[in-house]
Amino acid sequence: MQLGIDSFAAAVAASGAGPAHDGAASIEQLLARIVRADEVGLDVFGVGEHHRPEFLDSAPTIILAAAAARTRRIRLTSAVTVLSAADPVRVFQEFATLDLIAQGRIEMVVGRGSFTEAFPLFGLKLQDYDQLFSEKLELLLKIRDNEQVHWAGRFRPALTGQGIYPRPWQQPLPVWLGVGGTPESFRRAGALGLPLMVAIIGGETHRFRPLVDLYREAGRRAGHPPEQLQVGLHSLGYVADTDAQAAEEFFPGYARTFTKIGRERGWGPVTRAQFEQLRGPRGALLLGGPEEVAEKIRRHSEALGGISRVTFQMDSAELSTAQLLHAIELLGTRVAPLLAEAVAPAA
């Protein structure tokens, strides 16, 4: 099982010197975390895409390029690329260039995103949400598989055989489909034979099993081999030395962040009782000491019928750089060996 981290490049006011200075410091701290993840042997690091003041990841390929230049082994990916609001030609060119810089360590997770700011920002209509994504995903995959592309659609001028360059180091460039909770998204990923990254940030993980089964059945019906139908899990989480320490350090910032988001969406404020339920045995939060987190990942994998990748989203809880670096070290040196031991074949 691959183990990694996703970041939304949260902007942290650290110095009081102003947004630009603090933004630069936050980016430098993020790059330091990616380097540490590479050093401790984590498999993957993802950077999201948002267009909001609290995040610095509106141009994730730039951050990933800086990370590629500083790392040697870790795979780097988007988490997610908001494909509905992007030009698939440009997306492919950027990630293909990244793949050349990183010499075959680049992936992308494409999705529709959980926020909607990108639609008015780029002159798109929110009511076209589903059609935009379907059409642009079709074009992206066609570009991935063909150097010269013939294609016509509704939202972009047609391509009449133009070449799309550069071509990536990897053939094909890995594209995952990031999904939330809609059955059509799971079915689409299976039919296309794309690996699936399931974002589960609330509720109980086992409730997603029918959707994962739908993905696998759609893939089987489309003729894709089972080993191609990989399932990854993206969850909020944090690792500290002990279970209690992890909870006490994570909860205050987590509650502030999700209470703020909740006000935008009509939800009530986050309570400690809700938090405790989410960090319980069946809840979505991957939170605790190394042993507790490894055991919870094993339970989640069993609940979903087997997963091949788990990524932690830790930086939305206003944790310090020191806390995040220590959590990364624990993931690489304690959690990863425990998971490897659990899946190792018997002698």
Protein backbone atom coordinates (compact mmCIF):
# COMPACT_ATOMS: atom_id res chain seq x y z
CA MET A 1 0.00 0.00 0.00
CA GLN A 2 1.32 3.44 -0.91
CA LEU A 3 1.30 6.13 1.76
CA GLY A 4 1.41 9.86 1.18
CA ILE A 5 0.23 13.37 1.94
CA ASP A 6 -1.99 15.91 0.20
CA SER A 7 -1.67 19.62 0.89
CA PHE A 8 -3.84 22.60 0.02
CA ALA A 9 -0.92 24.98 0.67
CA ALA A 10 -2.71 26.68 3.54
CA ALA A 11 -1.61 30.29 4.02
CA VAL A 12 -0.37 30.84 7.56
CA ALA A 13 0.25 34.33 8.95
CA ALA A 14 3.47 33.73 10.80
CA SER A 15 5.51 36.91 10.90
CA GLY A 16 3.12 39.82 10.80
CA ALA A 17 5.14 41.22 7.89
CA GLY A 18 2.21 41.11 5.48
CA PRO A 19 0.46 38.65 3.14
CA ALA A 20 3.23 38.47 0.55
CA HIS A 21 5.95 37.71 3.08
CA ASP A 22 3.80 35.20 4.94
CA GLY A 23 2.77 33.60 1.65
CA ALA A 24 6.40 33.13 0.68
CA ALA A 25 7.15 31.62 4.09
CA SER A 26 4.18 29.26 3.80
CA ILE A 27 5.30 28.03 0.38
CA GLU A 28 8.85 27.49 1.66
CA GLN A 29 7.50 25.50 4.60
CA LEU A 30 5.38 23.40 2.25
CA LEU A 31 8.41 22.61 0.09
CA ALA A 32 10.33 21.63 3.23
CA ARG A 33 7.53 19.19 4.10
CA ILE A 34 7.67 17.65 0.63
CA VAL A 35 11.44 17.23 0.94
CA ARG A 36 11.00 15.59 4.36
CA ALA A 37 8.37 13.24 2.92
CA ASP A 38 10.87 12.23 0.24
CA GLU A 39 13.62 11.72 2.81
CA VAL A 40 11.54 9.45 5.07
CA GLY A 41 10.37 7.28 2.17
CA LEU A 42 6.75 8.29 1.67
CA ASP A 43 5.39 7.29 -1.73
CA VAL A 44 3.49 10.34 -2.92
CA PHE A 45 2.82 14.02 -2.19
CA GLY A 46 -0.12 15.86 -3.71
CA VAL A 47 -0.91 19.58 -4.02
CA GLY A 48 -4.51 20.71 -4.44
CA GLU A 49 -6.04 23.53 -6.46
CA HIS A 50 -8.17 26.25 -4.92
CA HIS A 51 -8.97 29.87 -5.69
CA ARG A 52 -9.60 31.13 -2.16
CA PRO A 53 -7.64 33.52 0.09
CA GLU A 54 -6.78 30.88 2.71
CA PHE A 55 -4.94 28.65 0.21
CA LEU A 56 -1.88 29.29 -1.96
CA ASP A 57 -2.40 26.49 -4.50
CA SER A 58 -4.19 28.25 -7.37
CA ALA A 59 -1.23 27.28 -9.62
CA PRO A 60 -0.27 23.84 -8.26
CA THR A 61 1.99 22.88 -11.16
CA ILE A 62 4.37 25.69 -10.17
CA ILE A 63 4.62 24.29 -6.62
CA LEU A 64 5.06 20.77 -7.97
CA ALA A 65 7.84 21.95 -10.30
CA ALA A 66 9.72 23.46 -7.35
CA ALA A 67 9.18 20.22 -5.43
CA ALA A 68 10.39 18.11 -8.37
CA ALA A 69 13.66 20.06 -8.42
CA ARG A 70 14.22 19.41 -4.69
CA THR A 71 13.29 15.72 -4.50
CA ARG A 72 14.60 12.51 -6.01
CA ARG A 73 12.23 9.59 -5.39
CA ILE A 74 8.75 10.61 -4.21
CA ARG A 75 5.91 10.72 -6.74
CA LEU A 76 4.24 14.13 -7.10
CA THR A 77 0.62 14.70 -8.05
CA SER A 78 -2.22 17.17 -8.11
CA ALA A 79 -4.92 16.73 -5.49
CA VAL A 80 -7.04 17.60 -7.46
CA THR A 81 -6.70 19.43 -10.77
CA VAL A 82 -10.04 21.24 -11.24
CA LEU A 83 -10.44 20.06 -14.82
CA SER A 84 -13.88 21.59 -15.31
CA ALA A 85 -12.35 25.08 -15.17
CA ALA A 86 -9.18 24.35 -17.16
CA ASP A 87 -8.11 23.83 -20.76
CA PRO A 88 -7.17 20.13 -21.11
CA VAL A 89 -4.52 20.97 -23.71
CA ARG A 90 -2.74 23.29 -21.30
CA VAL A 91 -3.20 20.89 -18.38
CA PHE A 92 -1.56 18.09 -20.34
CA GLN A 93 1.32 20.31 -21.50
CA GLU A 94 2.04 21.46 -17.96
CA PHE A 95 1.99 17.97 -16.46
CA ALA A 96 3.97 16.48 -19.34
CA THR A 97 6.64 19.14 -18.77
CA LEU A 98 6.58 18.39 -15.06
CA ASP A 99 7.03 14.71 -15.82
CA LEU A 100 10.14 15.48 -17.85
CA ILE A 101 11.54 17.61 -15.00
CA ALA A 102 10.84 14.84 -12.47
CA GLN A 103 11.93 12.06 -14.86
CA GLY A 104 8.75 10.04 -14.58
CA ARG A 105 7.49 10.85 -11.06
CA ILE A 106 4.40 12.92 -11.96
CA GLU A 107 0.73 12.00 -11.78
CA MET A 108 -2.49 13.96 -11.81
CA VAL A 109 -5.76 13.49 -10.00
CA VAL A 110 -8.52 15.24 -11.92
CA GLY A 111 -11.88 16.17 -10.49
CA ARG A 112 -14.56 18.81 -10.28
CA GLY A 113 -13.40 20.22 -6.94
CA SER A 114 -15.43 20.81 -3.80
CA PHE A 115 -15.54 24.62 -4.15
CA THR A 116 -17.07 26.65 -6.97
CA GLU A 117 -14.97 29.85 -7.11
CA ALA A 118 -13.18 28.71 -10.29
CA PHE A 119 -16.37 28.85 -12.36
CA PRO A 120 -17.06 32.62 -12.24
CA LEU A 121 -13.32 33.32 -12.13
CA PHE A 122 -12.83 31.72 -15.54
CA GLY A 123 -16.14 32.81 -17.06
CA LEU A 124 -17.91 29.44 -16.77
CA LYS A 125 -21.49 28.65 -15.82
CA LEU A 126 -22.03 26.55 -12.72
CA GLN A 127 -25.04 24.88 -14.33
CA ASP A 128 -22.63 23.32 -16.85
CA TYR A 129 -20.78 21.59 -13.97
CA ASP A 130 -21.27 17.99 -15.15
CA GLN A 131 -21.03 18.56 -18.89
CA LEU A 132 -17.82 20.59 -18.56
CA PHE A 133 -16.08 17.84 -16.64
CA SER A 134 -17.23 14.99 -18.88
CA GLU A 135 -16.15 16.76 -22.06
CA LYS A 136 -12.81 17.93 -20.72
CA LEU A 137 -11.94 14.54 -19.28
CA GLU A 138 -12.65 12.95 -22.65
CA LEU A 139 -10.31 15.43 -24.35
CA LEU A 140 -7.56 15.05 -21.74
CA LEU A 141 -7.50 11.27 -22.16
CA LYS A 142 -7.49 11.62 -25.94
CA ILE A 143 -4.49 13.95 -25.74
CA ARG A 144 -2.75 11.55 -23.37
CA ASP A 145 -3.11 8.70 -25.86
CA ASN A 146 -2.55 10.57 -29.14
CA GLU A 147 0.16 12.98 -30.25
CA GLN A 148 -2.06 14.46 -32.99
CA VAL A 149 -5.62 15.00 -31.87
CA HIS A 150 -8.92 15.17 -33.77
CA TRP A 151 -11.71 16.22 -31.43
CA ALA A 152 -14.79 18.44 -31.29
CA GLY A 153 -16.92 19.46 -28.33
CA ARG A 154 -19.21 22.13 -26.94
CA PHE A 155 -16.97 24.14 -24.62
CA ARG A 156 -13.70 24.40 -26.52
CA PRO A 157 -12.69 25.02 -30.16
CA ALA A 158 -12.17 21.80 -32.10
CA LEU A 159 -8.79 20.17 -32.65
CA THR A 160 -8.17 19.11 -36.23
CA GLY A 161 -5.00 17.10 -35.99
CA GLN A 162 -2.75 19.51 -34.13
CA GLY A 163 0.18 18.02 -32.24
CA ILE A 164 0.18 18.40 -28.45
CA TYR A 165 3.69 18.79 -27.00
CA PRO A 166 5.77 17.94 -25.09
CA ARG A 167 5.09 14.27 -24.56
CA PRO A 168 5.70 13.04 -21.01
CA TRP A 169 8.44 10.75 -19.71
CA GLN A 170 5.82 8.15 -18.71
CA GLN A 171 3.67 6.47 -21.34
CA PRO A 172 0.91 6.87 -20.42
CA LEU A 173 1.02 9.71 -17.92
CA PRO A 174 -0.94 8.44 -14.87
CA VAL A 175 -4.35 10.08 -14.48
CA TRP A 176 -6.52 9.30 -11.44
CA LEU A 177 -10.15 10.34 -11.10
CA GLY A 178 -10.90 12.15 -7.84
CA VAL A 179 -14.45 11.57 -6.61
CA GLY A 180 -16.70 12.51 -3.73
CA GLY A 181 -19.96 10.67 -3.34
CA THR A 182 -21.88 10.61 -6.64
CA PRO A 183 -22.49 7.17 -8.18
CA GLU A 184 -21.98 8.49 -11.71
CA SER A 185 -18.42 9.56 -10.88
CA PHE A 186 -17.55 6.08 -9.60
CA ARG A 187 -19.19 4.44 -12.61
CA ARG A 188 -17.35 6.76 -15.02
CA ALA A 189 -13.96 5.97 -13.49
CA GLY A 190 -14.58 2.24 -13.76
CA ALA A 191 -15.79 2.40 -17.34
CA LEU A 192 -12.68 4.37 -18.31
CA GLY A 193 -10.36 2.07 -16.37
CA LEU A 194 -8.91 4.98 -14.40
CA PRO A 195 -7.57 4.58 -10.86
CA LEU A 196 -9.92 6.08 -8.32
CA MET A 197 -9.08 8.53 -5.53
CA VAL A 198 -11.97 8.68 -3.06
CA ALA A 199 -12.15 11.77 -0.85
CA ILE A 200 -13.75 10.80 2.46
CA ILE A 201 -13.60 13.67 4.93
CA GLY A 202 -16.67 12.92 7.02
CA GLY A 203 -19.03 10.16 8.09
CA GLU A 204 -18.02 6.51 8.19
CA THR A 205 -15.69 5.10 5.56
CA HIS A 206 -17.47 1.76 5.15
CA ARG A 207 -20.52 3.56 3.75
CA PHE A 208 -18.57 4.17 0.54
CA ARG A 209 -18.23 0.42 -0.14
CA PRO A 210 -21.30 0.21 -2.45
CA LEU A 211 -19.85 3.03 -4.57
CA VAL A 212 -16.43 1.37 -4.73
CA ASP A 213 -18.15 -1.88 -5.72
CA LEU A 214 -19.99 0.06 -8.44
CA TYR A 215 -16.62 1.31 -9.72
CA ARG A 216 -15.15 -2.18 -9.83
CA GLU A 217 -18.21 -3.65 -11.53
CA ALA A 218 -18.22 -0.90 -14.17
CA GLY A 219 -14.54 -1.58 -14.81
CA ARG A 220 -15.14 -5.32 -15.10
CA ARG A 221 -17.99 -4.80 -17.55
CA ALA A 222 -15.75 -2.52 -19.64
CA GLY A 223 -13.12 -5.26 -19.81
CA HIS A 224 -10.46 -3.69 -17.61
CA PRO A 225 -8.30 -6.10 -15.56
CA PRO A 226 -8.80 -5.97 -11.78
CA GLU A 227 -5.23 -4.82 -11.14
CA GLN A 228 -5.89 -1.71 -13.23
CA LEU A 229 -8.81 -0.69 -11.03
CA GLN A 230 -6.86 0.81 -8.13
CA VAL A 231 -8.62 2.55 -5.25
CA GLY A 232 -6.97 5.32 -3.24
CA LEU A 233 -8.28 7.02 -0.12
CA HIS A 234 -7.85 10.73 0.66
CA SER A 235 -8.72 11.57 4.27
CA LEU A 236 -8.15 14.24 6.84
CA GLY A 237 -5.64 12.99 9.37
CA TYR A 238 -2.65 13.57 11.59
CA VAL A 239 -0.11 11.43 13.43
CA ALA A 240 1.47 12.34 16.76
CA ASP A 241 3.35 10.32 19.36
CA THR A 242 0.13 9.32 21.11
CA ASP A 243 -3.56 9.13 20.33
CA ALA A 244 -4.46 11.78 22.90
CA GLN A 245 -1.76 14.17 21.70
CA ALA A 246 -2.94 13.89 18.11
CA ALA A 247 -6.51 14.73 19.10
CA GLU A 248 -5.59 17.70 21.27
CA GLU A 249 -3.28 19.21 18.67
CA PHE A 250 -5.56 18.65 15.68
CA PHE A 251 -8.99 19.57 17.01
CA PRO A 252 -8.77 23.37 17.58
CA GLY A 253 -7.61 24.27 14.06
CA TYR A 254 -9.81 21.61 12.47
CA ALA A 255 -12.86 23.01 14.26
CA ARG A 256 -12.11 26.59 13.18
CA THR A 257 -11.52 25.62 9.56
CA PHE A 258 -14.61 23.49 9.12
CA THR A 259 -16.85 25.79 11.11
CA LYS A 260 -15.86 28.55 8.68
CA ILE A 261 -16.54 26.34 5.65
CA GLY A 262 -19.77 25.21 7.29
CA ARG A 263 -21.05 28.77 7.55
CA GLU A 264 -20.67 29.09 3.77
CA ARG A 265 -22.66 25.90 3.21
CA GLY A 266 -25.32 26.18 5.87
CA TRP A 267 -23.83 23.68 8.32
CA GLY A 268 -23.67 24.10 12.06
CA PRO A 269 -20.42 24.66 13.97
CA VAL A 270 -18.09 21.71 14.55
CA THR A 271 -18.47 20.21 18.02
CA ARG A 272 -16.06 18.09 20.03
CA ALA A 273 -18.64 15.28 20.08
CA GLN A 274 -18.75 15.20 16.27
CA PHE A 275 -14.95 15.20 16.17
CA GLU A 276 -14.73 12.28 18.61
CA GLN A 277 -17.16 10.29 16.49
CA LEU A 278 -15.12 10.95 13.34
CA ARG A 279 -11.91 9.80 15.01
CA GLY A 280 -13.60 6.67 16.35
CA PRO A 281 -12.99 3.19 14.91
CA ARG A 282 -15.30 3.63 11.89
CA GLY A 283 -15.06 7.40 11.43
CA ALA A 284 -13.27 9.02 8.51
CA LEU A 285 -10.49 10.85 10.39
CA LEU A 286 -7.10 9.10 10.27
CA LEU A 287 -5.93 10.49 13.57
CA GLY A 288 -3.83 9.15 16.41
CA GLY A 289 -0.50 7.61 17.32
CA PRO A 290 1.32 5.46 14.76
CA GLU A 291 -0.19 2.16 15.89
CA GLU A 292 -3.73 3.55 16.01
CA VAL A 293 -3.41 5.14 12.58
CA ALA A 294 -1.94 2.02 10.97
CA GLU A 295 -4.72 -0.09 12.43
CA LYS A 296 -7.37 2.34 11.22
CA ILE A 297 -5.93 2.33 7.70
CA ARG A 298 -6.12 -1.48 7.72
CA ARG A 299 -9.77 -1.30 8.80
CA HIS A 300 -10.58 1.23 6.09
CA SER A 301 -8.89 -0.93 3.47
CA GLU A 302 -10.88 -3.96 4.57
CA ALA A 303 -14.11 -1.92 4.60
CA LEU A 304 -13.53 -0.78 1.00
CA GLY A 305 -12.48 -4.19 -0.32
CA GLY A 306 -8.80 -3.25 -0.55
CA ILE A 307 -7.05 0.05 -1.27
CA SER A 308 -3.69 0.71 -2.90
CA ARG A 309 -2.96 4.26 -1.67
CA VAL A 310 -3.77 6.45 1.34
CA THR A 311 -3.08 10.19 1.44
CA PHE A 312 -3.38 12.38 4.53
CA GLN A 313 -4.66 15.96 4.42
CA MET A 314 -3.09 17.54 7.52
CA ASP A 315 -2.56 21.23 6.88
CA SER A 316 -6.15 22.45 7.26
CA ALA A 317 -5.89 22.18 11.06
CA GLU A 318 -3.51 25.14 11.58
CA LEU A 319 -0.72 22.90 12.86
CA SER A 320 2.78 24.28 13.25
CA THR A 321 5.59 23.45 10.85
CA ALA A 322 7.32 21.45 13.58
CA GLN A 323 4.17 19.41 14.22
CA LEU A 324 3.67 18.69 10.52
CA LEU A 325 7.31 17.69 9.99
CA HIS A 326 7.14 15.35 12.97
CA ALA A 327 3.91 13.82 11.65
CA ILE A 328 5.58 13.21 8.28
CA GLU A 329 8.50 11.54 10.02
CA LEU A 330 6.13 9.29 11.98
CA LEU A 331 4.25 8.36 8.81
CA GLY A 332 7.46 7.32 7.07
CA THR A 333 9.31 5.68 9.93
CA ARG A 334 6.49 4.17 12.02
CA VAL A 335 3.18 3.94 10.14
CA ALA A 336 4.58 2.76 6.79
CA PRO A 337 6.55 -0.17 8.34
CA LEU A 338 3.51 -1.22 10.35
CA LEU A 339 1.39 -1.31 7.18
CA ALA A 340 4.10 -3.20 5.27
CA GLU A 341 4.32 -5.74 8.08
CA ALA A 342 0.56 -6.21 8.01
CA VAL A 343 0.48 -7.07 4.29
CA ALA A 344 3.78 -9.01 4.10
CA PRO A 345 3.36 -12.63 2.94
CA ALA A 346 3.73 -15.32 5.56
CA ALA A 347 7.10 -17.08 5.69
